[in-house]
Amino acid sequence: MAQPVSAFQVAYISIEVLIALVSVPGNVLVIWAVKMNQALRDATFCFIVSLAVADVAVGALVIPLAIIIDVGPQTEFYSCLMVACPVLILTQSSILALLAIAVDRYLRVKIPVRYKSVVTPKRAAVAIACCWIVSFLVGLTPMFGWNNLNKMRESQMVNASHVGLVIKCQFETVISMEYMVYFNFFVWVLPPLLLMFIIYLEVFNLIRKQLNKKVSSNSTDPQKYYGKELKIAKSLALVLFLFALSWLPLHILNCITLFCPSCQKPMILIYIAILLTHGNSAMNPIVYAFKIKKFRTAFLRIWNQYFCCKTNMNINNINNTELDN
C-alpha cells in the first residue's frame, strides 16, 4: 500500500501535469505544421518530427509514469522496471534525433550542391528508423538483465527461484546506477553531446567562411542561402544547448550516487533535476515558434485556419507567401 502523498509531492505532481499540458499540444502542433506544409518537408524537419514524437510521448507517457513512481506503489520488480524504461528509450531517441539534425545541417553547408542527392527522403526515413531501433535497444537493456534484481533479492533474502519479488517502485530501486553512468551517460549521452558540439562549431565556421567569401564577390544568392542556414543552425544549436542544460544535472546526480554513495543529495535538487528533464520536452516548440520563421508562420496558419473564428483571406495569402520563402 502506497504512503500518503505529501504537500511537497503534490507541488511536484502539479508542475509535472503543467509540463505535460504544454508539451503534448506544443509538440503535436510541430508535427501538424510539418504535415500541413510542403515547405517543412526536408530532412531536417523530418528529424524534428521524430524529436517531437519523443517529446509527445514524454508528456503523455513518461510524466504519468514518473508520477506513479514518485508515489511509490508496491509492485512486482519487472512491472516497476517496465514503468522505468520508457524514459530511457525516449531520452535516447531525442539525443539521436538531435545528432541526426546536426549531421544534416553540416551536410547542407558542406555539400550544398549535392545535398539533395545525398540526403534523400528514403535515407532520412532509414536514419530515423535506425535511431528508434537503437533507442529501444539502449533503453530496454535493463529489461535484458542489467538491473538491480540480484541486489534486491540479496537485501530481502529472497530465494533465487522466487519469481514475484514485490518492491516499492522507485527508479533507483530497479535501475542499476552502473548502467545509468557507465553505459547510458558515458557511452550514449556524453559522447553524442560532445560530437554535436563539435559539428555545430564546424557548421558555424563553414557558414562564416562562405559568407565572407560571398560578400567580397558581391554574390547575393549564395549569401542569402548561407544567411538562412546560419539562422536555422543557431536555432537548432539552442535546442541542443537547452537539452544539455536540462539533462546534465540529473546525470551528474547519478554520478554522485554511484561514486559517492555516502554523499547526501537534497530531495529538492533531485526533484528540480527531474522536472528539468521533463520540462525540456515543452521547450522545443517555443524555440521553433520564436526562432524559426517557417514554423512561426505555419503555427499562425494553423491557428487562423482551425482555431480562429473569422477567416481572413489576406492572412492566408501572406502565410502562403512566407512559407514559400
C-alpha atoms as a PDB file:
ATOM      1  CA  MET A   1       0.000   0.000   0.000  1.00  0.00           C
ATOM      2  CA  ALA A   2       1.385   3.407  -1.039  1.00  0.00           C
ATOM      3  CA  GLN A   3       2.163   6.044   1.573  1.00  0.00           C
ATOM      4  CA  PRO A   4       0.023   9.232   1.738  1.00  0.00           C
ATOM      5  CA  VAL A   5       1.104  11.905  -0.729  1.00  0.00           C
ATOM      6  CA  SER A   6       2.922  14.839   0.945  1.00  0.00           C
ATOM      7  CA  ALA A   7       2.393  18.542   0.170  1.00  0.00           C
ATOM      8  CA  PHE A   8       5.827  18.555  -1.484  1.00  0.00           C
ATOM      9  CA  GLN A   9       4.776  15.690  -3.768  1.00  0.00           C
ATOM     10  CA  VAL A  10       1.509  17.497  -4.590  1.00  0.00           C
ATOM     11  CA  ALA A  11       3.548  20.516  -5.748  1.00  0.00           C
ATOM     12  CA  TYR A  12       5.845  18.258  -7.807  1.00  0.00           C
ATOM     13  CA  ILE A  13       2.895  16.410  -9.383  1.00  0.00           C
ATOM     14  CA  SER A  14       1.161  19.722 -10.204  1.00  0.00           C
ATOM     15  CA  ILE A  15       4.261  21.002 -12.041  1.00  0.00           C
ATOM     16  CA  GLU A  16       4.570  17.678 -13.895  1.00  0.00           C
ATOM     17  CA  VAL A  17       0.937  17.927 -15.036  1.00  0.00           C
ATOM     18  CA  LEU A  18       1.521  21.526 -16.177  1.00  0.00           C
ATOM     19  CA  ILE A  19       4.580  20.437 -18.194  1.00  0.00           C
ATOM     20  CA  ALA A  20       2.540  17.652 -19.822  1.00  0.00           C
ATOM     21  CA  LEU A  21      -0.255  20.093 -20.707  1.00  0.00           C
ATOM     22  CA  VAL A  22       2.279  22.319 -22.504  1.00  0.00           C
ATOM     23  CA  SER A  23       4.434  19.563 -24.009  1.00  0.00           C
ATOM     24  CA  VAL A  24       1.776  17.412 -25.665  1.00  0.00           C
ATOM     25  CA  PRO A  25      -0.193  20.129 -27.551  1.00  0.00           C
ATOM     26  CA  GLY A  26       3.010  22.035 -28.394  1.00  0.00           C
ATOM     27  CA  ASN A  27       4.721  19.058 -29.989  1.00  0.00           C
ATOM     28  CA  VAL A  28       1.534  17.873 -31.690  1.00  0.00           C
ATOM     29  CA  LEU A  29       1.450  21.357 -33.239  1.00  0.00           C
ATOM     30  CA  VAL A  30       5.021  20.852 -34.505  1.00  0.00           C
ATOM     31  CA  ILE A  31       4.073  17.532 -36.152  1.00  0.00           C
ATOM     32  CA  TRP A  32       0.903  19.093 -37.567  1.00  0.00           C
ATOM     33  CA  ALA A  33       2.843  22.049 -39.009  1.00  0.00           C
ATOM     34  CA  VAL A  34       5.288  19.757 -40.830  1.00  0.00           C
ATOM     35  CA  LYS A  35       2.458  17.564 -42.133  1.00  0.00           C
ATOM     36  CA  MET A  36       0.483  20.575 -43.418  1.00  0.00           C
ATOM     37  CA  ASN A  37       3.241  22.498 -45.143  1.00  0.00           C
ATOM     38  CA  GLN A  38       5.352  21.419 -48.088  1.00  0.00           C
ATOM     39  CA  ALA A  39       7.983  23.997 -47.100  1.00  0.00           C
ATOM     40  CA  LEU A  40       8.704  21.980 -43.930  1.00  0.00           C
ATOM     41  CA  ARG A  41       9.215  18.624 -45.632  1.00  0.00           C
ATOM     42  CA  ASP A  42      13.013  18.438 -45.931  1.00  0.00           C
ATOM     43  CA  ALA A  43      15.176  16.015 -43.924  1.00  0.00           C
ATOM     44  CA  THR A  44      15.869  18.426 -41.052  1.00  0.00           C
ATOM     45  CA  PHE A  45      12.183  18.859 -40.307  1.00  0.00           C
ATOM     46  CA  CYS A  46      11.619  15.082 -40.547  1.00  0.00           C
ATOM     47  CA  PHE A  47      14.209  14.656 -37.785  1.00  0.00           C
ATOM     48  CA  ILE A  48      12.483  17.448 -35.852  1.00  0.00           C
ATOM     49  CA  VAL A  49       9.223  15.466 -36.159  1.00  0.00           C
ATOM     50  CA  SER A  50      10.995  12.407 -34.707  1.00  0.00           C
ATOM     51  CA  LEU A  51      12.163  14.591 -31.807  1.00  0.00           C
ATOM     52  CA  ALA A  52       8.617  15.952 -31.376  1.00  0.00           C
ATOM     53  CA  VAL A  53       7.161  12.411 -31.296  1.00  0.00           C
ATOM     54  CA  ALA A  54       9.554  11.563 -28.437  1.00  0.00           C
ATOM     55  CA  ASP A  55       8.530  14.774 -26.633  1.00  0.00           C
ATOM     56  CA  VAL A  56       4.815  13.986 -27.056  1.00  0.00           C
ATOM     57  CA  ALA A  57       5.487  10.557 -25.527  1.00  0.00           C
ATOM     58  CA  VAL A  58       7.299  12.229 -22.607  1.00  0.00           C
ATOM     59  CA  GLY A  59       4.227  14.328 -21.858  1.00  0.00           C
ATOM     60  CA  ALA A  60       1.656  11.604 -22.496  1.00  0.00           C
ATOM     61  CA  LEU A  61       3.508   8.552 -21.111  1.00  0.00           C
ATOM     62  CA  VAL A  62       6.688   9.325 -19.149  1.00  0.00           C
ATOM     63  CA  ILE A  63       5.264  12.065 -16.935  1.00  0.00           C
ATOM     64  CA  PRO A  64       2.272   9.939 -15.783  1.00  0.00           C
ATOM     65  CA  LEU A  65       4.682   7.054 -15.114  1.00  0.00           C
ATOM     66  CA  ALA A  66       7.034   9.416 -13.221  1.00  0.00           C
ATOM     67  CA  ILE A  67       4.118  10.461 -11.022  1.00  0.00           C
ATOM     68  CA  ILE A  68       3.341   6.792 -10.322  1.00  0.00           C
ATOM     69  CA  ILE A  69       6.997   6.167  -9.398  1.00  0.00           C
ATOM     70  CA  ASP A  70       7.019   9.240  -7.148  1.00  0.00           C
ATOM     71  CA  VAL A  71       4.025   7.917  -5.224  1.00  0.00           C
ATOM     72  CA  GLY A  72       5.981   4.649  -4.879  1.00  0.00           C
ATOM     73  CA  PRO A  73       3.360   1.891  -5.114  1.00  0.00           C
ATOM     74  CA  GLN A  74       4.155  -1.671  -4.103  1.00  0.00           C
ATOM     75  CA  THR A  75       4.573  -3.706  -7.275  1.00  0.00           C
ATOM     76  CA  GLU A  76       6.401  -6.660  -8.796  1.00  0.00           C
ATOM     77  CA  PHE A  77      10.037  -5.950  -9.759  1.00  0.00           C
ATOM     78  CA  TYR A  78       9.695  -6.328 -13.538  1.00  0.00           C
ATOM     79  CA  SER A  79       6.440  -4.329 -13.587  1.00  0.00           C
ATOM     80  CA  CYS A  80       8.333  -1.460 -11.973  1.00  0.00           C
ATOM     81  CA  LEU A  81      11.186  -1.927 -14.443  1.00  0.00           C
ATOM     82  CA  MET A  82       8.725  -1.610 -17.335  1.00  0.00           C
ATOM     83  CA  VAL A  83       7.491   1.668 -15.828  1.00  0.00           C
ATOM     84  CA  ALA A  84      11.079   2.992 -15.544  1.00  0.00           C
ATOM     85  CA  CYS A  85      12.349   2.054 -19.043  1.00  0.00           C
ATOM     86  CA  PRO A  86      10.256   4.330 -21.338  1.00  0.00           C
ATOM     87  CA  VAL A  87      12.104   7.457 -20.191  1.00  0.00           C
ATOM     88  CA  LEU A  88      15.418   5.784 -21.144  1.00  0.00           C
ATOM     89  CA  ILE A  89      14.108   4.929 -24.619  1.00  0.00           C
ATOM     90  CA  LEU A  90      12.730   8.416 -25.280  1.00  0.00           C
ATOM     91  CA  THR A  91      15.810  10.206 -23.951  1.00  0.00           C
ATOM     92  CA  GLN A  92      17.999   8.177 -26.274  1.00  0.00           C
ATOM     93  CA  SER A  93      15.668   8.820 -29.192  1.00  0.00           C
ATOM     94  CA  SER A  94      15.876  12.586 -28.529  1.00  0.00           C
ATOM     95  CA  ILE A  95      19.691  12.508 -28.409  1.00  0.00           C
ATOM     96  CA  LEU A  96      19.953  10.552 -31.664  1.00  0.00           C
ATOM     97  CA  ALA A  97      17.402  12.838 -33.369  1.00  0.00           C
ATOM     98  CA  LEU A  98      19.466  15.862 -32.287  1.00  0.00           C
ATOM     99  CA  LEU A  99      22.603  14.163 -33.633  1.00  0.00           C
ATOM    100  CA  ALA A 100      20.859  13.441 -36.965  1.00  0.00           C
ATOM    101  CA  ILE A 101      19.764  17.107 -37.159  1.00  0.00           C
ATOM    102  CA  ALA A 102      23.347  18.270 -36.505  1.00  0.00           C
ATOM    103  CA  VAL A 103      24.770  15.977 -39.200  1.00  0.00           C
ATOM    104  CA  ASP A 104      22.042  17.116 -41.623  1.00  0.00           C
ATOM    105  CA  ARG A 105      22.858  20.806 -41.047  1.00  0.00           C
ATOM    106  CA  TYR A 106      26.562  20.038 -41.543  1.00  0.00           C
ATOM    107  CA  LEU A 107      25.874  18.366 -44.894  1.00  0.00           C
ATOM    108  CA  ARG A 108      23.700  21.299 -46.012  1.00  0.00           C
ATOM    109  CA  VAL A 109      26.599  23.740 -45.645  1.00  0.00           C
ATOM    110  CA  LYS A 110      29.424  21.341 -46.574  1.00  0.00           C
ATOM    111  CA  ILE A 111      27.924  19.979 -49.810  1.00  0.00           C
ATOM    112  CA  PRO A 112      25.041  22.357 -50.712  1.00  0.00           C
ATOM    113  CA  VAL A 113      25.054  21.366 -54.406  1.00  0.00           C
ATOM    114  CA  ARG A 114      24.995  17.589 -53.791  1.00  0.00           C
ATOM    115  CA  TYR A 115      22.933  17.741 -50.588  1.00  0.00           C
ATOM    116  CA  LYS A 116      19.576  16.767 -52.129  1.00  0.00           C
ATOM    117  CA  SER A 117      21.068  13.780 -53.944  1.00  0.00           C
ATOM    118  CA  VAL A 118      22.874  12.592 -50.777  1.00  0.00           C
ATOM    119  CA  VAL A 119      20.131  13.229 -48.174  1.00  0.00           C
ATOM    120  CA  THR A 120      17.085  11.697 -49.865  1.00  0.00           C
ATOM    121  CA  PRO A 121      13.712  11.186 -48.119  1.00  0.00           C
ATOM    122  CA  LYS A 122      14.319   7.421 -48.169  1.00  0.00           C
ATOM    123  CA  ARG A 123      17.708   7.764 -46.446  1.00  0.00           C
ATOM    124  CA  ALA A 124      16.241  10.181 -43.901  1.00  0.00           C
ATOM    125  CA  ALA A 125      13.476   7.651 -43.114  1.00  0.00           C
ATOM    126  CA  VAL A 126      16.068   4.865 -42.715  1.00  0.00           C
ATOM    127  CA  ALA A 127      18.115   7.109 -40.389  1.00  0.00           C
ATOM    128  CA  ILE A 128      15.033   7.854 -38.254  1.00  0.00           C
ATOM    129  CA  ALA A 129      14.138   4.141 -38.083  1.00  0.00           C
ATOM    130  CA  CYS A 130      17.726   3.284 -37.036  1.00  0.00           C
ATOM    131  CA  CYS A 131      17.611   5.971 -34.328  1.00  0.00           C
ATOM    132  CA  TRP A 132      14.460   4.471 -32.842  1.00  0.00           C
ATOM    133  CA  ILE A 133      15.754   0.872 -33.045  1.00  0.00           C
ATOM    134  CA  VAL A 134      18.980   1.845 -31.250  1.00  0.00           C
ATOM    135  CA  SER A 135      16.944   3.810 -28.681  1.00  0.00           C
ATOM    136  CA  PHE A 136      14.809   0.763 -27.873  1.00  0.00           C
ATOM    137  CA  LEU A 137      17.888  -1.459 -27.551  1.00  0.00           C
ATOM    138  CA  VAL A 138      19.677   1.009 -25.246  1.00  0.00           C
ATOM    139  CA  GLY A 139      16.571   1.869 -23.214  1.00  0.00           C
ATOM    140  CA  LEU A 140      15.452  -1.744 -22.753  1.00  0.00           C
ATOM    141  CA  THR A 141      18.906  -3.026 -21.723  1.00  0.00           C
ATOM    142  CA  PRO A 142      17.799  -3.136 -18.041  1.00  0.00           C
ATOM    143  CA  MET A 143      14.975  -5.500 -19.066  1.00  0.00           C
ATOM    144  CA  PHE A 144      17.605  -7.881 -20.505  1.00  0.00           C
ATOM    145  CA  GLY A 145      19.350  -8.263 -17.137  1.00  0.00           C
ATOM    146  CA  TRP A 146      21.389  -5.142 -16.311  1.00  0.00           C
ATOM    147  CA  ASN A 147      19.246  -4.164 -13.321  1.00  0.00           C
ATOM    148  CA  ASN A 148      19.081  -4.386  -9.526  1.00  0.00           C
ATOM    149  CA  LEU A 149      17.156  -7.666  -9.273  1.00  0.00           C
ATOM    150  CA  ASN A 150      20.010  -9.630  -7.651  1.00  0.00           C
ATOM    151  CA  LYS A 151      20.735  -6.774  -5.215  1.00  0.00           C
ATOM    152  CA  MET A 152      17.078  -6.668  -4.199  1.00  0.00           C
ATOM    153  CA  ARG A 153      16.970 -10.429  -3.734  1.00  0.00           C
ATOM    154  CA  GLU A 154      20.068 -10.306  -1.538  1.00  0.00           C
ATOM    155  CA  SER A 155      18.788  -7.397   0.533  1.00  0.00           C
ATOM    156  CA  GLN A 156      15.388  -9.047   1.035  1.00  0.00           C
ATOM    157  CA  MET A 157      16.924 -12.541   1.322  1.00  0.00           C
ATOM    158  CA  VAL A 158      14.556 -13.850  -1.329  1.00  0.00           C
ATOM    159  CA  ASN A 159      15.295 -17.249  -2.852  1.00  0.00           C
ATOM    160  CA  ALA A 160      16.583 -17.094  -6.467  1.00  0.00           C
ATOM    161  CA  SER A 161      13.682 -19.257  -7.623  1.00  0.00           C
ATOM    162  CA  HIS A 162      11.184 -16.723  -6.272  1.00  0.00           C
ATOM    163  CA  VAL A 163       9.554 -15.123  -9.294  1.00  0.00           C
ATOM    164  CA  GLY A 164       7.326 -12.358  -7.914  1.00  0.00           C
ATOM    165  CA  LEU A 165       9.638 -10.070  -5.947  1.00  0.00           C
ATOM    166  CA  VAL A 166       7.429  -7.263  -4.623  1.00  0.00           C
ATOM    167  CA  ILE A 167       9.102  -3.891  -4.011  1.00  0.00           C
ATOM    168  CA  LYS A 168       8.333  -0.222  -3.519  1.00  0.00           C
ATOM    169  CA  CYS A 169       8.525   1.013  -7.130  1.00  0.00           C
ATOM    170  CA  GLN A 170      11.198   3.696  -7.450  1.00  0.00           C
ATOM    171  CA  PHE A 171      13.625   4.389 -10.300  1.00  0.00           C
ATOM    172  CA  GLU A 172      16.857   3.817  -8.342  1.00  0.00           C
ATOM    173  CA  THR A 173      15.426   0.649  -6.798  1.00  0.00           C
ATOM    174  CA  VAL A 174      15.211  -1.172 -10.145  1.00  0.00           C
ATOM    175  CA  ILE A 175      17.656   0.651 -12.468  1.00  0.00           C
ATOM    176  CA  SER A 176      21.358  -0.034 -11.887  1.00  0.00           C
ATOM    177  CA  MET A 177      23.461   3.090 -11.364  1.00  0.00           C
ATOM    178  CA  GLU A 178      26.335   1.303 -13.146  1.00  0.00           C
ATOM    179  CA  TYR A 179      24.072   1.072 -16.203  1.00  0.00           C
ATOM    180  CA  MET A 180      22.983   4.724 -15.878  1.00  0.00           C
ATOM    181  CA  VAL A 181      26.510   6.104 -15.519  1.00  0.00           C
ATOM    182  CA  TYR A 182      28.915   3.780 -17.390  1.00  0.00           C
ATOM    183  CA  PHE A 183      26.620   2.719 -20.228  1.00  0.00           C
ATOM    184  CA  ASN A 184      23.847   5.312 -20.558  1.00  0.00           C
ATOM    185  CA  PHE A 185      25.758   8.513 -19.700  1.00  0.00           C
ATOM    186  CA  PHE A 186      29.389   7.753 -20.620  1.00  0.00           C
ATOM    187  CA  VAL A 187      28.528   5.916 -23.870  1.00  0.00           C
ATOM    188  CA  TRP A 188      25.150   7.118 -25.164  1.00  0.00           C
ATOM    189  CA  VAL A 189      24.697  10.642 -23.781  1.00  0.00           C
ATOM    190  CA  LEU A 190      28.023  12.417 -23.244  1.00  0.00           C
ATOM    191  CA  PRO A 191      29.865  11.379 -26.472  1.00  0.00           C
ATOM    192  CA  PRO A 192      26.919  12.326 -28.766  1.00  0.00           C
ATOM    193  CA  LEU A 193      26.579  15.687 -26.984  1.00  0.00           C
ATOM    194  CA  LEU A 194      30.294  16.412 -27.428  1.00  0.00           C
ATOM    195  CA  LEU A 195      30.141  15.287 -31.067  1.00  0.00           C
ATOM    196  CA  MET A 196      27.169  17.597 -31.715  1.00  0.00           C
ATOM    197  CA  PHE A 197      29.029  20.483 -30.099  1.00  0.00           C
ATOM    198  CA  ILE A 198      31.971  19.896 -32.482  1.00  0.00           C
ATOM    199  CA  ILE A 199      29.636  19.560 -35.503  1.00  0.00           C
ATOM    200  CA  TYR A 200      27.867  22.862 -34.772  1.00  0.00           C
ATOM    201  CA  LEU A 201      31.212  24.638 -34.295  1.00  0.00           C
ATOM    202  CA  GLU A 202      32.230  23.367 -37.728  1.00  0.00           C
ATOM    203  CA  VAL A 203      28.845  24.372 -39.222  1.00  0.00           C
ATOM    204  CA  PHE A 204      29.222  27.943 -37.923  1.00  0.00           C
ATOM    205  CA  ASN A 205      32.831  28.037 -39.133  1.00  0.00           C
ATOM    206  CA  LEU A 206      31.866  26.881 -42.648  1.00  0.00           C
ATOM    207  CA  ILE A 207      28.942  29.328 -42.873  1.00  0.00           C
ATOM    208  CA  ARG A 208      31.055  32.295 -41.780  1.00  0.00           C
ATOM    209  CA  LYS A 209      33.770  31.394 -44.297  1.00  0.00           C
ATOM    210  CA  GLN A 210      31.176  31.207 -47.074  1.00  0.00           C
ATOM    211  CA  LEU A 211      29.507  34.476 -46.030  1.00  0.00           C
ATOM    212  CA  ASN A 212      32.860  36.287 -46.015  1.00  0.00           C
ATOM    213  CA  LYS A 213      33.721  34.805 -49.408  1.00  0.00           C
ATOM    214  CA  LYS A 214      30.373  35.741 -50.959  1.00  0.00           C
ATOM    215  CA  VAL A 215      30.353  39.249 -49.523  1.00  0.00           C
ATOM    216  CA  SER A 216      33.667  40.008 -51.252  1.00  0.00           C
ATOM    217  CA  SER A 217      32.435  38.637 -54.588  1.00  0.00           C
ATOM    218  CA  ASN A 218      29.116  40.567 -54.431  1.00  0.00           C
ATOM    219  CA  SER A 219      27.064  37.406 -54.949  1.00  0.00           C
ATOM    220  CA  THR A 220      23.697  37.782 -53.208  1.00  0.00           C
ATOM    221  CA  ASP A 221      22.035  34.391 -53.777  1.00  0.00           C
ATOM    222  CA  PRO A 222      24.661  32.236 -52.006  1.00  0.00           C
ATOM    223  CA  GLN A 223      24.848  34.878 -49.290  1.00  0.00           C
ATOM    224  CA  LYS A 224      21.074  34.608 -48.796  1.00  0.00           C
ATOM    225  CA  TYR A 225      21.329  30.791 -48.660  1.00  0.00           C
ATOM    226  CA  TYR A 226      24.081  30.775 -46.043  1.00  0.00           C
ATOM    227  CA  GLY A 227      22.385  33.583 -44.110  1.00  0.00           C
ATOM    228  CA  LYS A 228      19.278  31.373 -43.784  1.00  0.00           C
ATOM    229  CA  GLU A 229      21.432  28.402 -42.827  1.00  0.00           C
ATOM    230  CA  LEU A 230      23.116  30.457 -40.106  1.00  0.00           C
ATOM    231  CA  LYS A 231      19.749  31.446 -38.589  1.00  0.00           C
ATOM    232  CA  ILE A 232      18.427  27.877 -38.595  1.00  0.00           C
ATOM    233  CA  ALA A 233      21.723  26.479 -37.260  1.00  0.00           C
ATOM    234  CA  LYS A 234      21.631  28.982 -34.385  1.00  0.00           C
ATOM    235  CA  SER A 235      18.070  27.957 -33.521  1.00  0.00           C
ATOM    236  CA  LEU A 236      18.854  24.234 -33.599  1.00  0.00           C
ATOM    237  CA  ALA A 237      22.050  24.767 -31.616  1.00  0.00           C
ATOM    238  CA  LEU A 238      19.861  26.482 -28.994  1.00  0.00           C
ATOM    239  CA  VAL A 239      17.632  23.364 -28.915  1.00  0.00           C
ATOM    240  CA  LEU A 240      20.764  21.272 -28.297  1.00  0.00           C
ATOM    241  CA  PHE A 241      22.005  23.661 -25.581  1.00  0.00           C
ATOM    242  CA  LEU A 242      18.639  23.517 -23.762  1.00  0.00           C
ATOM    243  CA  PHE A 243      18.648  19.715 -23.987  1.00  0.00           C
ATOM    244  CA  ALA A 244      22.135  19.510 -22.434  1.00  0.00           C
ATOM    245  CA  LEU A 245      21.199  22.072 -19.766  1.00  0.00           C
ATOM    246  CA  SER A 246      18.072  20.065 -18.901  1.00  0.00           C
ATOM    247  CA  TRP A 247      19.613  16.595 -18.771  1.00  0.00           C
ATOM    248  CA  LEU A 248      23.169  17.034 -17.451  1.00  0.00           C
ATOM    249  CA  PRO A 249      22.133  17.893 -13.846  1.00  0.00           C
ATOM    250  CA  LEU A 250      20.305  14.575 -13.438  1.00  0.00           C
ATOM    251  CA  HIS A 251      23.223  12.614 -14.916  1.00  0.00           C
ATOM    252  CA  ILE A 252      25.630  14.445 -12.605  1.00  0.00           C
ATOM    253  CA  LEU A 253      23.443  13.440  -9.644  1.00  0.00           C
ATOM    254  CA  ASN A 254      23.564   9.831 -10.891  1.00  0.00           C
ATOM    255  CA  CYS A 255      27.378  10.045 -10.952  1.00  0.00           C
ATOM    256  CA  ILE A 256      27.362  11.318  -7.361  1.00  0.00           C
ATOM    257  CA  THR A 257      25.076   8.423  -6.360  1.00  0.00           C
ATOM    258  CA  LEU A 258      27.454   5.881  -7.908  1.00  0.00           C
ATOM    259  CA  PHE A 259      30.844   7.337  -6.970  1.00  0.00           C
ATOM    260  CA  CYS A 260      29.907   8.798  -3.578  1.00  0.00           C
ATOM    261  CA  PRO A 261      27.220   6.566  -2.016  1.00  0.00           C
ATOM    262  CA  SER A 262      27.607   8.287   1.370  1.00  0.00           C
ATOM    263  CA  CYS A 263      27.021  11.781  -0.085  1.00  0.00           C
ATOM    264  CA  GLN A 264      23.646  13.269   0.799  1.00  0.00           C
ATOM    265  CA  LYS A 265      21.586  14.618  -2.102  1.00  0.00           C
ATOM    266  CA  PRO A 266      18.857  17.106  -1.112  1.00  0.00           C
ATOM    267  CA  MET A 267      15.495  15.832  -2.347  1.00  0.00           C
ATOM    268  CA  ILE A 268      14.647  19.250  -3.755  1.00  0.00           C
ATOM    269  CA  LEU A 269      17.698  19.030  -6.081  1.00  0.00           C
ATOM    270  CA  ILE A 270      16.553  15.618  -7.323  1.00  0.00           C
ATOM    271  CA  TYR A 271      13.037  16.922  -7.991  1.00  0.00           C
ATOM    272  CA  ILE A 272      14.384  20.017  -9.800  1.00  0.00           C
ATOM    273  CA  ALA A 273      16.654  17.802 -11.965  1.00  0.00           C
ATOM    274  CA  ILE A 274      13.721  15.517 -12.860  1.00  0.00           C
ATOM    275  CA  LEU A 275      11.468  18.486 -13.673  1.00  0.00           C
ATOM    276  CA  LEU A 276      14.191  19.972 -15.880  1.00  0.00           C
ATOM    277  CA  THR A 277      14.408  16.758 -17.930  1.00  0.00           C
ATOM    278  CA  HIS A 278      10.644  16.606 -18.427  1.00  0.00           C
ATOM    279  CA  GLY A 279      10.377  20.363 -18.967  1.00  0.00           C
ATOM    280  CA  ASN A 280      12.780  20.088 -21.889  1.00  0.00           C
ATOM    281  CA  SER A 281      10.028  18.349 -23.887  1.00  0.00           C
ATOM    282  CA  ALA A 282       7.947  21.535 -23.661  1.00  0.00           C
ATOM    283  CA  MET A 283      10.785  23.909 -24.655  1.00  0.00           C
ATOM    284  CA  ASN A 284      11.355  22.966 -28.293  1.00  0.00           C
ATOM    285  CA  PRO A 285       8.012  24.173 -29.777  1.00  0.00           C
ATOM    286  CA  ILE A 286       8.585  27.526 -28.041  1.00  0.00           C
ATOM    287  CA  VAL A 287      12.081  27.781 -29.579  1.00  0.00           C
ATOM    288  CA  TYR A 288      10.726  26.899 -33.035  1.00  0.00           C
ATOM    289  CA  ALA A 289       7.919  29.472 -32.733  1.00  0.00           C
ATOM    290  CA  PHE A 290      10.242  32.310 -31.749  1.00  0.00           C
ATOM    291  CA  LYS A 291      13.374  31.438 -33.726  1.00  0.00           C
ATOM    292  CA  ILE A 292      12.371  29.639 -36.976  1.00  0.00           C
ATOM    293  CA  LYS A 293      10.233  31.761 -39.315  1.00  0.00           C
ATOM    294  CA  LYS A 294       8.803  28.791 -41.262  1.00  0.00           C
ATOM    295  CA  PHE A 295       7.458  27.242 -38.062  1.00  0.00           C
ATOM    296  CA  ARG A 296       6.127  30.550 -36.746  1.00  0.00           C
ATOM    297  CA  THR A 297       4.247  31.132 -39.992  1.00  0.00           C
ATOM    298  CA  ALA A 298       2.938  27.546 -40.035  1.00  0.00           C
ATOM    299  CA  PHE A 299       1.706  27.843 -36.428  1.00  0.00           C
ATOM    300  CA  LEU A 300      -0.112  31.089 -37.251  1.00  0.00           C
ATOM    301  CA  ARG A 301      -1.643  29.494 -40.328  1.00  0.00           C
ATOM    302  CA  ILE A 302      -2.958  26.551 -38.271  1.00  0.00           C
ATOM    303  CA  TRP A 303      -4.346  28.969 -35.687  1.00  0.00           C
ATOM    304  CA  ASN A 304      -6.075  31.111 -38.318  1.00  0.00           C
ATOM    305  CA  GLN A 305      -7.403  28.127 -40.253  1.00  0.00           C
ATOM    306  CA  TYR A 306      -8.597  25.848 -37.442  1.00  0.00           C
ATOM    307  CA  PHE A 307      -8.972  27.854 -34.227  1.00  0.00           C
ATOM    308  CA  CYS A 308      -9.686  31.478 -35.177  1.00  0.00           C
ATOM    309  CA  CYS A 309     -13.377  32.139 -35.753  1.00  0.00           C
ATOM    310  CA  LYS A 310     -13.064  34.579 -38.636  1.00  0.00           C
ATOM    311  CA  THR A 311     -11.382  33.627 -41.884  1.00  0.00           C
ATOM    312  CA  ASN A 312      -9.065  36.237 -43.314  1.00  0.00           C
ATOM    313  CA  MET A 313      -8.022  35.595 -46.894  1.00  0.00           C
ATOM    314  CA  ASN A 314      -5.291  38.227 -46.747  1.00  0.00           C
ATOM    315  CA  ILE A 315      -3.637  36.496 -43.773  1.00  0.00           C
ATOM    316  CA  ASN A 316      -3.770  33.153 -45.581  1.00  0.00           C
ATOM    317  CA  ASN A 317      -2.202  34.706 -48.688  1.00  0.00           C
ATOM    318  CA  ILE A 318       0.579  36.261 -46.585  1.00  0.00           C
ATOM    319  CA  ASN A 319       1.188  32.930 -44.830  1.00  0.00           C
ATOM    320  CA  ASN A 320       1.397  31.038 -48.114  1.00  0.00           C
ATOM    321  CA  THR A 321       3.882  33.588 -49.466  1.00  0.00           C
ATOM    322  CA  GLU A 322       6.067  33.377 -46.329  1.00  0.00           C
ATOM    323  CA  LEU A 323       6.065  29.589 -46.336  1.00  0.00           C
ATOM    324  CA  ASP A 324       7.353  29.546 -49.877  1.00  0.00           C
ATOM    325  CA  ASN A 325      10.333  31.746 -48.918  1.00  0.00           C
END
